[in-house]
Amino acid sequence: MKQKTHSGTKKRFKQTGSGKLMMSKACKNHLLSSKSKRQKKYGQQGIEVPSSRKKTIARLLNISQ
């Protein structure tokens, strides 16, 4: 039987063209009026998944790392 991709994981993590796993930062979806411009600016860019979690996330996305 074919293994399915974890649908919650594919919404939260993306793989770049170079093979990096990227995730978005927290605290940037609501209550933005009370946050500083700096917080909102640095919340826009994604960050690379920590090396301790790469294997688990790759398995949920059915990709080889």
N, C-alpha and C. Protein backbone atom coordinates (compact mmCIF):
# COMPACT_ATOMS: atom_id res chain seq x y z
N MET A 1 0.83 -1.18 0.00
CA MET A 1 0.00 0.00 0.00
C MET A 1 0.88 1.25 0.00
N LYS A 2 0.45 2.25 -0.74
CA LYS A 2 1.22 3.48 -0.85
C LYS A 2 1.12 4.28 0.44
N GLN A 3 2.25 4.84 0.89
CA GLN A 3 2.27 5.64 2.11
C GLN A 3 1.83 7.06 1.78
N LYS A 4 0.92 7.59 2.58
CA LYS A 4 0.38 8.92 2.33
C LYS A 4 1.23 10.00 3.01
N THR A 5 1.27 11.16 2.39
CA THR A 5 1.93 12.32 2.96
C THR A 5 1.07 12.86 4.09
N HIS A 6 1.70 13.30 5.18
CA HIS A 6 0.97 13.85 6.32
C HIS A 6 0.47 15.24 5.94
N SER A 7 -0.85 15.41 5.90
CA SER A 7 -1.43 16.65 5.36
C SER A 7 -1.15 17.86 6.25
N GLY A 8 -1.04 17.67 7.56
CA GLY A 8 -0.71 18.79 8.45
C GLY A 8 0.70 19.26 8.25
N THR A 9 1.60 18.33 7.96
CA THR A 9 3.01 18.68 7.75
C THR A 9 3.21 19.41 6.44
N LYS A 10 2.52 19.00 5.40
CA LYS A 10 2.73 19.65 4.10
C LYS A 10 2.21 21.08 4.07
N LYS A 11 1.31 21.43 5.02
CA LYS A 11 0.84 22.81 5.11
C LYS A 11 1.85 23.71 5.83
N ARG A 12 2.68 23.12 6.68
CA ARG A 12 3.57 23.90 7.54
C ARG A 12 5.02 23.94 7.09
N PHE A 13 5.44 23.00 6.26
CA PHE A 13 6.84 22.91 5.84
C PHE A 13 6.91 22.83 4.33
N LYS A 14 7.92 23.48 3.76
CA LYS A 14 8.13 23.46 2.31
C LYS A 14 9.57 23.07 2.04
N GLN A 15 9.79 22.42 0.90
CA GLN A 15 11.14 22.07 0.48
C GLN A 15 11.55 23.02 -0.64
N THR A 16 12.71 23.64 -0.50
CA THR A 16 13.19 24.57 -1.51
C THR A 16 13.80 23.79 -2.67
N GLY A 17 14.14 24.51 -3.71
CA GLY A 17 14.75 23.88 -4.87
C GLY A 17 16.10 23.26 -4.58
N SER A 18 16.81 23.82 -3.60
CA SER A 18 18.13 23.29 -3.24
C SER A 18 18.04 22.13 -2.25
N GLY A 19 16.82 21.79 -1.81
CA GLY A 19 16.63 20.65 -0.92
C GLY A 19 16.49 20.98 0.55
N LYS A 20 16.52 22.28 0.90
CA LYS A 20 16.36 22.66 2.30
C LYS A 20 14.90 22.56 2.71
N LEU A 21 14.68 22.18 3.95
CA LEU A 21 13.33 22.19 4.52
C LEU A 21 13.15 23.50 5.26
N MET A 22 12.11 24.24 4.88
CA MET A 22 11.87 25.54 5.48
C MET A 22 10.54 25.53 6.23
N MET A 23 10.48 26.33 7.30
CA MET A 23 9.25 26.49 8.05
C MET A 23 9.07 27.97 8.37
N SER A 24 7.84 28.36 8.64
CA SER A 24 7.59 29.76 8.95
C SER A 24 7.78 29.98 10.44
N LYS A 25 8.07 31.22 10.80
CA LYS A 25 8.24 31.57 12.19
C LYS A 25 6.87 31.72 12.87
N ALA A 26 6.88 31.61 14.18
CA ALA A 26 5.65 31.74 14.95
C ALA A 26 5.34 33.21 15.24
N CYS A 27 4.17 33.46 15.75
CA CYS A 27 3.72 34.77 16.25
C CYS A 27 3.59 35.83 15.17
N LYS A 28 3.11 35.47 13.99
CA LYS A 28 2.97 36.48 12.94
C LYS A 28 1.61 36.44 12.26
N ASN A 29 0.64 35.76 12.85
CA ASN A 29 -0.65 35.63 12.20
C ASN A 29 -1.76 36.51 12.77
N HIS A 30 -1.69 36.85 14.03
CA HIS A 30 -2.76 37.66 14.61
C HIS A 30 -2.18 38.54 15.70
N LEU A 31 -2.98 39.50 16.16
CA LEU A 31 -2.57 40.50 17.15
C LEU A 31 -1.35 41.29 16.67
N LEU A 32 -1.35 41.66 15.40
CA LEU A 32 -0.19 42.33 14.81
C LEU A 32 -0.12 43.81 15.17
N SER A 33 -1.23 44.39 15.59
CA SER A 33 -1.22 45.83 15.90
C SER A 33 -0.38 46.13 17.14
N SER A 34 -0.27 45.19 18.05
CA SER A 34 0.50 45.42 19.27
C SER A 34 1.97 45.06 19.13
N LYS A 35 2.36 44.51 17.98
CA LYS A 35 3.75 44.10 17.78
C LYS A 35 4.53 45.18 17.04
N SER A 36 5.82 45.25 17.31
CA SER A 36 6.64 46.27 16.69
C SER A 36 6.86 45.97 15.21
N LYS A 37 7.29 47.00 14.49
CA LYS A 37 7.56 46.85 13.07
C LYS A 37 8.67 45.83 12.84
N ARG A 38 9.65 45.83 13.74
CA ARG A 38 10.78 44.90 13.64
C ARG A 38 10.32 43.45 13.80
N GLN A 39 9.44 43.20 14.76
CA GLN A 39 8.92 41.86 14.97
C GLN A 39 8.19 41.36 13.74
N LYS A 40 7.37 42.22 13.15
CA LYS A 40 6.59 41.83 11.98
C LYS A 40 7.49 41.61 10.76
N LYS A 41 8.52 42.42 10.63
CA LYS A 41 9.44 42.31 9.50
C LYS A 41 10.20 41.00 9.56
N TYR A 42 10.73 40.66 10.73
CA TYR A 42 11.50 39.42 10.85
C TYR A 42 10.61 38.18 10.92
N GLY A 43 9.32 38.38 11.12
CA GLY A 43 8.40 37.25 11.10
C GLY A 43 8.05 36.80 9.69
N GLN A 44 8.29 37.65 8.70
CA GLN A 44 7.91 37.32 7.33
C GLN A 44 8.78 36.24 6.72
N GLN A 45 10.06 36.28 7.02
CA GLN A 45 10.96 35.33 6.37
C GLN A 45 10.93 33.99 7.09
N GLY A 46 11.07 32.93 6.35
CA GLY A 46 11.08 31.60 6.92
C GLY A 46 12.45 31.25 7.47
N ILE A 47 12.51 30.15 8.20
CA ILE A 47 13.78 29.67 8.74
C ILE A 47 13.94 28.21 8.37
N GLU A 48 15.17 27.77 8.35
CA GLU A 48 15.44 26.37 8.02
C GLU A 48 15.09 25.49 9.22
N VAL A 49 14.59 24.32 8.93
CA VAL A 49 14.21 23.37 9.98
C VAL A 49 15.47 22.93 10.73
N PRO A 50 15.41 22.86 12.06
CA PRO A 50 16.57 22.40 12.83
C PRO A 50 16.98 20.98 12.43
N SER A 51 18.28 20.72 12.49
CA SER A 51 18.79 19.42 12.05
C SER A 51 18.24 18.27 12.88
N SER A 52 17.86 18.52 14.11
CA SER A 52 17.32 17.47 14.97
C SER A 52 15.93 17.02 14.53
N ARG A 53 15.22 17.85 13.74
CA ARG A 53 13.86 17.54 13.31
C ARG A 53 13.75 17.17 11.84
N LYS A 54 14.84 17.33 11.09
CA LYS A 54 14.80 17.12 9.64
C LYS A 54 14.36 15.70 9.26
N LYS A 55 14.89 14.71 9.94
CA LYS A 55 14.61 13.32 9.60
C LYS A 55 13.12 13.01 9.79
N THR A 56 12.55 13.49 10.88
CA THR A 56 11.14 13.24 11.18
C THR A 56 10.23 13.91 10.16
N ILE A 57 10.52 15.16 9.85
CA ILE A 57 9.68 15.90 8.91
C ILE A 57 9.81 15.34 7.50
N ALA A 58 11.00 14.95 7.12
CA ALA A 58 11.21 14.35 5.80
C ALA A 58 10.41 13.05 5.68
N ARG A 59 10.35 12.29 6.74
CA ARG A 59 9.59 11.03 6.72
C ARG A 59 8.09 11.32 6.57
N LEU A 60 7.59 12.34 7.25
CA LEU A 60 6.17 12.70 7.13
C LEU A 60 5.83 13.23 5.75
N LEU A 61 6.79 13.88 5.09
CA LEU A 61 6.55 14.42 3.75
C LEU A 61 6.90 13.41 2.65
N ASN A 62 7.40 12.25 3.03
CA ASN A 62 7.80 11.20 2.07
C ASN A 62 8.87 11.68 1.10
N ILE A 63 9.89 12.36 1.65
CA ILE A 63 11.03 12.77 0.84
C ILE A 63 12.30 12.21 1.49
N SER A 64 13.32 12.02 0.69
CA SER A 64 14.58 11.52 1.23
C SER A 64 15.48 12.69 1.58
N GLN A 65 16.10 12.63 2.74
CA GLN A 65 17.03 13.68 3.19
C GLN A 65 18.39 13.09 3.43
